[in-house]
């Protein structure tokens, strides 16, 4: 495999299929969603170093209701993005939120508005 494989179009297609946050509203909400999940995951890793972003997202997102396969696929992609952003980082922004409850509420708000799901 050479360094140009997959080509740009193929790579973009893979990204859009598994990792796109295109429905997560504004750019600010996208950054807040990623950053706040990273913040919570990092905080929880102080007690349990093996916890993953996926586990944190699942605990927040799957409290009630039913979910489409597409929604779950997008959440899994989000968890991988968060893991990547966390690599080698120990400090994360809280975007002005002071408490864990405020952070959780913001994450829930963005996920709730993550249309068309």
Protein backbone atom coordinates (compact mmCIF):
# COMPACT_ATOMS: atom_id res chain seq x y z
CA UNK A 1 0.00 0.00 0.00
CA UNK A 2 1.43 3.35 -0.88
CA UNK A 3 0.94 6.55 1.11
CA UNK A 4 -1.77 7.78 -1.25
CA UNK A 5 -4.09 4.86 -0.56
CA UNK A 6 -6.88 5.20 0.17
CA UNK A 7 -7.20 8.20 -2.09
CA UNK A 8 -8.74 11.48 -0.89
CA UNK A 9 -12.29 10.64 -1.99
CA UNK A 10 -12.16 7.19 -0.38
CA UNK A 11 -10.74 8.59 2.85
CA UNK A 12 -13.41 11.30 2.94
CA UNK A 13 -16.10 8.67 2.39
CA UNK A 14 -14.76 6.57 5.29
CA UNK A 15 -14.66 9.63 7.52
CA UNK A 16 -18.20 10.67 6.61
CA UNK A 17 -19.48 7.14 7.12
CA UNK A 18 -18.02 6.58 10.59
CA UNK A 19 -16.76 9.83 12.12
CA UNK A 20 -18.72 12.80 10.83
CA UNK A 21 -20.46 15.08 13.32
CA UNK A 22 -22.37 16.80 10.53
CA UNK A 23 -25.65 16.74 12.45
CA UNK A 24 -24.28 18.04 15.77
CA UNK A 25 -25.42 21.62 15.18
CA UNK A 26 -22.93 24.46 15.39
CA UNK A 27 -19.16 24.29 15.38
CA UNK A 28 -19.20 25.41 19.01
CA UNK A 29 -21.50 22.52 19.92
CA UNK A 30 -19.27 20.06 18.08
CA UNK A 31 -16.19 21.21 19.99
CA UNK A 32 -18.12 21.34 23.27
CA UNK A 33 -19.46 17.82 22.75
CA UNK A 34 -16.01 16.38 22.08
CA UNK A 35 -14.26 18.44 24.76
CA UNK A 36 -16.80 17.76 27.50
CA UNK A 37 -16.87 14.02 26.80
CA UNK A 38 -13.07 14.04 26.95
CA UNK A 39 -13.17 16.00 30.21
CA UNK A 40 -15.59 13.54 31.85
CA UNK A 41 -13.75 10.50 30.55
CA UNK A 42 -10.45 11.85 31.83
CA UNK A 43 -12.00 12.55 35.24
CA UNK A 44 -13.45 9.04 35.42
CA UNK A 45 -10.11 7.52 34.39
CA UNK A 46 -8.61 8.82 37.62
CA UNK A 47 -10.73 6.17 39.38
CA UNK A 48 -10.90 3.59 36.58
CA UNK A 49 -8.06 3.88 34.04
CA UNK A 50 -9.75 1.36 31.72
CA UNK A 51 -12.95 3.33 31.10
CA UNK A 52 -13.49 4.32 27.48
CA UNK A 53 -15.17 7.28 25.84
CA UNK A 54 -17.70 4.81 24.43
CA UNK A 55 -18.70 3.72 27.95
CA UNK A 56 -19.10 7.34 29.04
CA UNK A 57 -21.16 8.25 25.98
CA UNK A 58 -23.33 5.14 26.32
CA UNK A 59 -24.10 5.91 29.96
CA UNK A 60 -25.19 9.41 28.99
CA UNK A 61 -26.97 8.69 25.70
CA UNK A 62 -28.84 5.47 26.43
CA UNK A 63 -30.81 6.43 29.52
CA UNK A 64 -34.22 5.99 27.93
CA UNK A 65 -35.98 5.45 24.66
CA UNK A 66 -35.10 3.53 21.55
CA UNK A 67 -32.30 4.36 19.17
CA UNK A 68 -31.69 3.82 15.50
CA UNK A 69 -28.71 1.88 14.25
CA UNK A 70 -27.50 5.07 12.58
CA UNK A 71 -27.57 6.97 15.89
CA UNK A 72 -25.57 4.24 17.63
CA UNK A 73 -23.08 4.13 14.74
CA UNK A 74 -22.60 7.88 15.00
CA UNK A 75 -22.09 7.69 18.77
CA UNK A 76 -19.46 5.00 18.28
CA UNK A 77 -17.68 7.24 15.77
CA UNK A 78 -17.89 10.11 18.24
CA UNK A 79 -16.26 7.92 20.88
CA UNK A 80 -13.31 7.21 18.59
CA UNK A 81 -12.91 10.91 17.81
CA UNK A 82 -12.86 11.63 21.55
CA UNK A 83 -10.30 8.89 22.21
CA UNK A 84 -8.10 10.37 19.49
CA UNK A 85 -8.41 13.91 20.89
CA UNK A 86 -7.54 12.60 24.37
CA UNK A 87 -4.31 10.95 23.29
CA UNK A 88 -1.47 12.42 25.35
CA UNK A 89 -3.67 15.14 26.87
CA UNK A 90 -4.54 15.53 30.54
CA UNK A 91 -6.30 18.91 30.65
CA UNK A 92 -9.58 19.56 28.90
CA UNK A 93 -11.75 22.67 28.62
CA UNK A 94 -15.12 22.81 30.33
CA UNK A 95 -16.41 25.63 28.08
CA UNK A 96 -17.46 27.71 31.08
CA UNK A 97 -19.47 24.98 32.75
CA UNK A 98 -18.71 24.78 36.47
CA UNK A 99 -20.28 21.51 37.61
CA UNK A 100 -20.50 17.96 36.30
CA UNK A 101 -24.28 18.38 36.19
CA UNK A 102 -23.95 21.39 33.86
CA UNK A 103 -21.51 19.42 31.71
CA UNK A 104 -23.84 16.44 31.51
CA UNK A 105 -26.77 18.69 30.64
CA UNK A 106 -24.82 20.29 27.77
CA UNK A 107 -23.79 16.89 26.41
CA UNK A 108 -27.40 15.67 26.63
CA UNK A 109 -28.64 18.85 24.94
CA UNK A 110 -26.28 18.46 21.99
CA UNK A 111 -27.01 14.74 21.66
CA UNK A 112 -30.75 15.41 21.87
CA UNK A 113 -30.49 17.98 19.09
CA UNK A 114 -28.27 15.74 16.98
CA UNK A 115 -30.75 15.58 14.11
CA UNK A 116 -32.11 13.65 12.32
CA UNK A 117 -31.93 11.13 15.10
